Amino acid sequence: MKLSYYPDTDSLYIDLSAKPSAESREVSEGVVLDYDIEGNLVGIDIENASRKLDLSQVVTSHIPVEANR
């Protein structure tokens, strides 16, 4: 998973997969879900992110991560 913030557009993109997006659906104002060709969620785009989210910190909890994958 990769989080990318773009200050020039105030958008946050959360990459959930390396697969390319084949379809996008806006689920609420300024929140778009991207799906691959098989219908799997591959990304989340949040417009006006600084108004919708606290971007001052990112906290992860209980995420199983293997070192040197």
PDB file of N, CA and C in Angstrom:
ATOM      1  N   MET A   1       0.860  -1.168   0.000  1.00  0.00           N
ATOM      2  CA  MET A   1       0.000   0.000   0.000  1.00  0.00           C
ATOM      3  C   MET A   1       0.905   1.228   0.000  1.00  0.00           C
ATOM      4  N   LYS A   2       0.471   2.237  -0.744  1.00  0.00           N
ATOM      5  CA  LYS A   2       1.251   3.462  -0.833  1.00  0.00           C
ATOM      6  C   LYS A   2       0.297   4.649  -0.749  1.00  0.00           C
ATOM      7  N   LEU A   3       0.653   5.628   0.082  1.00  0.00           N
ATOM      8  CA  LEU A   3      -0.119   6.863   0.198  1.00  0.00           C
ATOM      9  C   LEU A   3       0.659   7.971  -0.487  1.00  0.00           C
ATOM     10  N   SER A   4      -0.026   8.706  -1.371  1.00  0.00           N
ATOM     11  CA  SER A   4       0.607   9.823  -2.072  1.00  0.00           C
ATOM     12  C   SER A   4      -0.275  11.052  -1.924  1.00  0.00           C
ATOM     13  N   TYR A   5       0.311  12.121  -1.379  1.00  0.00           N
ATOM     14  CA  TYR A   5      -0.425  13.378  -1.236  1.00  0.00           C
ATOM     15  C   TYR A   5       0.103  14.362  -2.266  1.00  0.00           C
ATOM     16  N   TYR A   6      -0.808  15.040  -2.961  1.00  0.00           N
ATOM     17  CA  TYR A   6      -0.460  16.018  -3.991  1.00  0.00           C
ATOM     18  C   TYR A   6      -0.958  17.388  -3.541  1.00  0.00           C
ATOM     19  N   PRO A   7      -0.062  18.230  -2.981  1.00  0.00           N
ATOM     20  CA  PRO A   7      -0.491  19.516  -2.436  1.00  0.00           C
ATOM     21  C   PRO A   7      -1.069  20.473  -3.476  1.00  0.00           C
ATOM     22  N   ASP A   8      -0.607  20.383  -4.729  1.00  0.00           N
ATOM     23  CA  ASP A   8      -1.111  21.306  -5.747  1.00  0.00           C
ATOM     24  C   ASP A   8      -2.596  21.085  -6.049  1.00  0.00           C
ATOM     25  N   THR A   9      -3.082  19.859  -5.838  1.00  0.00           N
ATOM     26  CA  THR A   9      -4.507  19.570  -6.045  1.00  0.00           C
ATOM     27  C   THR A   9      -5.213  19.215  -4.746  1.00  0.00           C
ATOM     28  N   ASP A  10      -4.466  19.194  -3.643  1.00  0.00           N
ATOM     29  CA  ASP A  10      -4.991  18.804  -2.325  1.00  0.00           C
ATOM     30  C   ASP A  10      -5.731  17.467  -2.418  1.00  0.00           C
ATOM     31  N   SER A  11      -5.058  16.498  -3.046  1.00  0.00           N
ATOM     32  CA  SER A  11      -5.660  15.178  -3.151  1.00  0.00           C
ATOM     33  C   SER A  11      -4.732  14.122  -2.567  1.00  0.00           C
ATOM     34  N   LEU A  12      -5.350  13.104  -2.020  1.00  0.00           N
ATOM     35  CA  LEU A  12      -4.625  11.972  -1.445  1.00  0.00           C
ATOM     36  C   LEU A  12      -5.015  10.744  -2.235  1.00  0.00           C
ATOM     37  N   TYR A  13      -4.011  10.016  -2.732  1.00  0.00           N
ATOM     38  CA  TYR A  13      -4.295   8.771  -3.432  1.00  0.00           C
ATOM     39  C   TYR A  13      -3.708   7.636  -2.635  1.00  0.00           C
ATOM     40  N   ILE A  14      -4.523   6.625  -2.386  1.00  0.00           N
ATOM     41  CA  ILE A  14      -4.097   5.433  -1.658  1.00  0.00           C
ATOM     42  C   ILE A  14      -4.060   4.284  -2.656  1.00  0.00           C
ATOM     43  N   ASP A  15      -2.842   3.849  -2.990  1.00  0.00           N
ATOM     44  CA  ASP A  15      -2.651   2.701  -3.874  1.00  0.00           C
ATOM     45  C   ASP A  15      -2.773   1.433  -3.044  1.00  0.00           C
ATOM     46  N   LEU A  16      -3.707   0.580  -3.393  1.00  0.00           N
ATOM     47  CA  LEU A  16      -3.895  -0.679  -2.682  1.00  0.00           C
ATOM     48  C   LEU A  16      -3.310  -1.861  -3.440  1.00  0.00           C
ATOM     49  N   SER A  17      -3.010  -1.647  -4.711  1.00  0.00           N
ATOM     50  CA  SER A  17      -2.501  -2.717  -5.567  1.00  0.00           C
ATOM     51  C   SER A  17      -1.694  -2.095  -6.694  1.00  0.00           C
ATOM     52  N   ALA A  18      -0.802  -2.884  -7.264  1.00  0.00           N
ATOM     53  CA  ALA A  18      -0.020  -2.424  -8.411  1.00  0.00           C
ATOM     54  C   ALA A  18      -0.796  -2.580  -9.715  1.00  0.00           C
ATOM     55  N   LYS A  19      -1.937  -3.247  -9.662  1.00  0.00           N
ATOM     56  CA  LYS A  19      -2.747  -3.449 -10.866  1.00  0.00           C
ATOM     57  C   LYS A  19      -3.326  -2.119 -11.339  1.00  0.00           C
ATOM     58  N   PRO A  20      -3.431  -1.937 -12.650  1.00  0.00           N
ATOM     59  CA  PRO A  20      -3.984  -0.680 -13.173  1.00  0.00           C
ATOM     60  C   PRO A  20      -5.491  -0.590 -12.962  1.00  0.00           C
ATOM     61  N   SER A  21      -5.958   0.622 -12.881  1.00  0.00           N
ATOM     62  CA  SER A  21      -7.387   0.886 -12.725  1.00  0.00           C
ATOM     63  C   SER A  21      -8.081   0.729 -14.072  1.00  0.00           C
ATOM     64  N   ALA A  22      -9.241   0.057 -14.050  1.00  0.00           N
ATOM     65  CA  ALA A  22     -10.034  -0.112 -15.265  1.00  0.00           C
ATOM     66  C   ALA A  22     -11.373   0.601 -15.163  1.00  0.00           C
ATOM     67  N   GLU A  23     -11.780   0.904 -13.934  1.00  0.00           N
ATOM     68  CA  GLU A  23     -13.071   1.553 -13.706  1.00  0.00           C
ATOM     69  C   GLU A  23     -12.984   2.379 -12.432  1.00  0.00           C
ATOM     70  N   SER A  24     -13.679   3.501 -12.412  1.00  0.00           N
ATOM     71  CA  SER A  24     -13.711   4.372 -11.240  1.00  0.00           C
ATOM     72  C   SER A  24     -15.156   4.686 -10.897  1.00  0.00           C
ATOM     73  N   ARG A  25     -15.423   4.773  -9.586  1.00  0.00           N
ATOM     74  CA  ARG A  25     -16.770   5.126  -9.127  1.00  0.00           C
ATOM     75  C   ARG A  25     -16.659   6.147  -7.997  1.00  0.00           C
ATOM     76  N   GLU A  26     -17.376   7.250  -8.137  1.00  0.00           N
ATOM     77  CA  GLU A  26     -17.427   8.241  -7.063  1.00  0.00           C
ATOM     78  C   GLU A  26     -18.473   7.767  -6.055  1.00  0.00           C
ATOM     79  N   VAL A  27     -18.032   7.503  -4.818  1.00  0.00           N
ATOM     80  CA  VAL A  27     -18.926   6.951  -3.794  1.00  0.00           C
ATOM     81  C   VAL A  27     -19.495   8.027  -2.886  1.00  0.00           C
ATOM     82  N   SER A  28     -18.829   9.149  -2.811  1.00  0.00           N
ATOM     83  CA  SER A  28     -19.339  10.342  -2.146  1.00  0.00           C
ATOM     84  C   SER A  28     -18.599  11.514  -2.763  1.00  0.00           C
ATOM     85  N   GLU A  29     -19.041  12.723  -2.465  1.00  0.00           N
ATOM     86  CA  GLU A  29     -18.447  13.889  -3.113  1.00  0.00           C
ATOM     87  C   GLU A  29     -16.938  13.927  -2.895  1.00  0.00           C
ATOM     88  N   GLY A  30     -16.188  13.811  -3.995  1.00  0.00           N
ATOM     89  CA  GLY A  30     -14.737  13.904  -3.932  1.00  0.00           C
ATOM     90  C   GLY A  30     -14.021  12.650  -3.481  1.00  0.00           C
ATOM     91  N   VAL A  31     -14.731  11.529  -3.369  1.00  0.00           N
ATOM     92  CA  VAL A  31     -14.101  10.261  -3.001  1.00  0.00           C
ATOM     93  C   VAL A  31     -14.384   9.261  -4.120  1.00  0.00           C
ATOM     94  N   VAL A  32     -13.297   8.847  -4.786  1.00  0.00           N
ATOM     95  CA  VAL A  32     -13.421   7.962  -5.945  1.00  0.00           C
ATOM     96  C   VAL A  32     -12.690   6.656  -5.658  1.00  0.00           C
ATOM     97  N   LEU A  33     -13.383   5.548  -5.911  1.00  0.00           N
ATOM     98  CA  LEU A  33     -12.779   4.227  -5.770  1.00  0.00           C
ATOM     99  C   LEU A  33     -12.400   3.721  -7.150  1.00  0.00           C
ATOM    100  N   ASP A  34     -11.180   3.190  -7.275  1.00  0.00           N
ATOM    101  CA  ASP A  34     -10.694   2.638  -8.535  1.00  0.00           C
ATOM    102  C   ASP A  34     -10.659   1.118  -8.439  1.00  0.00           C
ATOM    103  N   TYR A  35     -11.143   0.463  -9.506  1.00  0.00           N
ATOM    104  CA  TYR A  35     -11.215  -0.994  -9.561  1.00  0.00           C
ATOM    105  C   TYR A  35     -10.427  -1.511 -10.752  1.00  0.00           C
ATOM    106  N   ASP A  36      -9.858  -2.709 -10.614  1.00  0.00           N
ATOM    107  CA  ASP A  36      -9.166  -3.329 -11.735  1.00  0.00           C
ATOM    108  C   ASP A  36     -10.174  -4.020 -12.651  1.00  0.00           C
ATOM    109  N   ILE A  37      -9.697  -4.661 -13.681  1.00  0.00           N
ATOM    110  CA  ILE A  37     -10.550  -5.304 -14.674  1.00  0.00           C
ATOM    111  C   ILE A  37     -11.414  -6.415 -14.064  1.00  0.00           C
ATOM    112  N   GLU A  38     -10.961  -6.984 -12.950  1.00  0.00           N
ATOM    113  CA  GLU A  38     -11.694  -8.070 -12.291  1.00  0.00           C
ATOM    114  C   GLU A  38     -12.658  -7.555 -11.222  1.00  0.00           C
ATOM    115  N   GLY A  39     -12.709  -6.233 -11.051  1.00  0.00           N
ATOM    116  CA  GLY A  39     -13.616  -5.653 -10.063  1.00  0.00           C
ATOM    117  C   GLY A  39     -13.043  -5.526  -8.668  1.00  0.00           C
ATOM    118  N   ASN A  40     -11.740  -5.756  -8.522  1.00  0.00           N
ATOM    119  CA  ASN A  40     -11.080  -5.620  -7.224  1.00  0.00           C
ATOM    120  C   ASN A  40     -10.683  -4.170  -6.982  1.00  0.00           C
ATOM    121  N   LEU A  41     -10.847  -3.704  -5.761  1.00  0.00           N
ATOM    122  CA  LEU A  41     -10.463  -2.343  -5.389  1.00  0.00           C
ATOM    123  C   LEU A  41      -8.946  -2.203  -5.449  1.00  0.00           C
ATOM    124  N   VAL A  42      -8.460  -1.222  -6.222  1.00  0.00           N
ATOM    125  CA  VAL A  42      -7.020  -1.023  -6.356  1.00  0.00           C
ATOM    126  C   VAL A  42      -6.545   0.339  -5.857  1.00  0.00           C
ATOM    127  N   GLY A  43      -7.478   1.278  -5.639  1.00  0.00           N
ATOM    128  CA  GLY A  43      -7.063   2.591  -5.171  1.00  0.00           C
ATOM    129  C   GLY A  43      -8.224   3.447  -4.720  1.00  0.00           C
ATOM    130  N   ILE A  44      -7.876   4.447  -3.927  1.00  0.00           N
ATOM    131  CA  ILE A  44      -8.859   5.397  -3.401  1.00  0.00           C
ATOM    132  C   ILE A  44      -8.308   6.795  -3.613  1.00  0.00           C
ATOM    133  N   ASP A  45      -9.076   7.643  -4.264  1.00  0.00           N
ATOM    134  CA  ASP A  45      -8.684   9.030  -4.509  1.00  0.00           C
ATOM    135  C   ASP A  45      -9.587   9.935  -3.676  1.00  0.00           C
ATOM    136  N   ILE A  46      -8.973  10.800  -2.869  1.00  0.00           N
ATOM    137  CA  ILE A  46      -9.730  11.710  -2.008  1.00  0.00           C
ATOM    138  C   ILE A  46      -9.369  13.140  -2.382  1.00  0.00           C
ATOM    139  N   GLU A  47     -10.323  13.848  -2.963  1.00  0.00           N
ATOM    140  CA  GLU A  47     -10.131  15.252  -3.330  1.00  0.00           C
ATOM    141  C   GLU A  47     -10.374  16.135  -2.108  1.00  0.00           C
ATOM    142  N   ASN A  48      -9.729  17.301  -2.082  1.00  0.00           N
ATOM    143  CA  ASN A  48      -9.823  18.218  -0.937  1.00  0.00           C
ATOM    144  C   ASN A  48      -9.493  17.487   0.361  1.00  0.00           C
ATOM    145  N   ALA A  49      -8.442  16.696   0.302  1.00  0.00           N
ATOM    146  CA  ALA A  49      -8.075  15.809   1.406  1.00  0.00           C
ATOM    147  C   ALA A  49      -7.817  16.546   2.716  1.00  0.00           C
ATOM    148  N   SER A  50      -7.181  17.711   2.651  1.00  0.00           N
ATOM    149  CA  SER A  50      -6.858  18.421   3.894  1.00  0.00           C
ATOM    150  C   SER A  50      -8.108  18.928   4.609  1.00  0.00           C
ATOM    151  N   ARG A  51      -9.209  19.049   3.895  1.00  0.00           N
ATOM    152  CA  ARG A  51     -10.469  19.462   4.520  1.00  0.00           C
ATOM    153  C   ARG A  51     -11.258  18.270   5.062  1.00  0.00           C
ATOM    154  N   LYS A  52     -10.953  17.088   4.553  1.00  0.00           N
ATOM    155  CA  LYS A  52     -11.692  15.888   4.958  1.00  0.00           C
ATOM    156  C   LYS A  52     -10.943  15.031   5.969  1.00  0.00           C
ATOM    157  N   LEU A  53      -9.618  15.147   5.992  1.00  0.00           N
ATOM    158  CA  LEU A  53      -8.783  14.275   6.812  1.00  0.00           C
ATOM    159  C   LEU A  53      -7.763  15.074   7.607  1.00  0.00           C
ATOM    160  N   ASP A  54      -7.309  14.503   8.705  1.00  0.00           N
ATOM    161  CA  ASP A  54      -6.180  15.073   9.448  1.00  0.00           C
ATOM    162  C   ASP A  54      -4.912  14.495   8.833  1.00  0.00           C
ATOM    163  N   LEU A  55      -4.238  15.284   8.024  1.00  0.00           N
ATOM    164  CA  LEU A  55      -3.047  14.823   7.319  1.00  0.00           C
ATOM    165  C   LEU A  55      -1.756  15.047   8.103  1.00  0.00           C
ATOM    166  N   SER A  56      -1.874  15.486   9.338  1.00  0.00           N
ATOM    167  CA  SER A  56      -0.670  15.802  10.117  1.00  0.00           C
ATOM    168  C   SER A  56       0.093  14.557  10.560  1.00  0.00           C
ATOM    169  N   GLN A  57      -0.573  13.404  10.581  1.00  0.00           N
ATOM    170  CA  GLN A  57       0.128  12.184  10.939  1.00  0.00           C
ATOM    171  C   GLN A  57      -0.595  10.971  10.360  1.00  0.00           C
ATOM    172  N   VAL A  58       0.185   9.926  10.137  1.00  0.00           N
ATOM    173  CA  VAL A  58      -0.366   8.656   9.683  1.00  0.00           C
ATOM    174  C   VAL A  58      -0.005   7.626  10.734  1.00  0.00           C
ATOM    175  N   VAL A  59      -0.987   6.906  11.203  1.00  0.00           N
ATOM    176  CA  VAL A  59      -0.769   5.902  12.242  1.00  0.00           C
ATOM    177  C   VAL A  59      -1.172   4.543  11.688  1.00  0.00           C
ATOM    178  N   THR A  60      -0.306   3.568  11.851  1.00  0.00           N
ATOM    179  CA  THR A  60      -0.648   2.202  11.471  1.00  0.00           C
ATOM    180  C   THR A  60      -0.745   1.366  12.739  1.00  0.00           C
ATOM    181  N   SER A  61      -1.585   0.373  12.688  1.00  0.00           N
ATOM    182  CA  SER A  61      -1.789  -0.445  13.875  1.00  0.00           C
ATOM    183  C   SER A  61      -2.030  -1.891  13.473  1.00  0.00           C
ATOM    184  N   HIS A  62      -1.279  -2.788  14.043  1.00  0.00           N
ATOM    185  CA  HIS A  62      -1.469  -4.231  13.872  1.00  0.00           C
ATOM    186  C   HIS A  62      -1.419  -4.674  12.412  1.00  0.00           C
ATOM    187  N   ILE A  63      -0.510  -4.104  11.656  1.00  0.00           N
ATOM    188  CA  ILE A  63      -0.358  -4.483  10.262  1.00  0.00           C
ATOM    189  C   ILE A  63       0.792  -5.472  10.167  1.00  0.00           C
ATOM    190  N   PRO A  64       0.502  -6.686   9.708  1.00  0.00           N
ATOM    191  CA  PRO A  64       1.589  -7.684   9.609  1.00  0.00           C
ATOM    192  C   PRO A  64       2.497  -7.346   8.445  1.00  0.00           C
ATOM    193  N   VAL A  65       3.747  -7.052   8.759  1.00  0.00           N
ATOM    194  CA  VAL A  65       4.710  -6.685   7.737  1.00  0.00           C
ATOM    195  C   VAL A  65       5.934  -7.577   7.890  1.00  0.00           C
ATOM    196  N   GLU A  66       6.349  -8.189   6.791  1.00  0.00           N
ATOM    197  CA  GLU A  66       7.564  -8.986   6.812  1.00  0.00           C
ATOM    198  C   GLU A  66       8.730  -8.114   6.393  1.00  0.00           C
ATOM    199  N   ALA A  67       9.817  -8.182   7.116  1.00  0.00           N
ATOM    200  CA  ALA A  67      11.014  -7.411   6.769  1.00  0.00           C
ATOM    201  C   ALA A  67      11.635  -7.953   5.497  1.00  0.00           C
ATOM    202  N   ASN A  68      12.146  -7.050   4.660  1.00  0.00           N
ATOM    203  CA  ASN A  68      12.861  -7.397   3.429  1.00  0.00           C
ATOM    204  C   ASN A  68      12.058  -8.278   2.492  1.00  0.00           C
ATOM    205  N   ARG A  69      10.853  -7.882   2.212  1.00  0.00           N
ATOM    206  CA  ARG A  69      10.033  -8.649   1.268  1.00  0.00           C
ATOM    207  C   ARG A  69      10.470  -8.465  -0.126  1.00  0.00           C
TER     208      ARG A  69
END
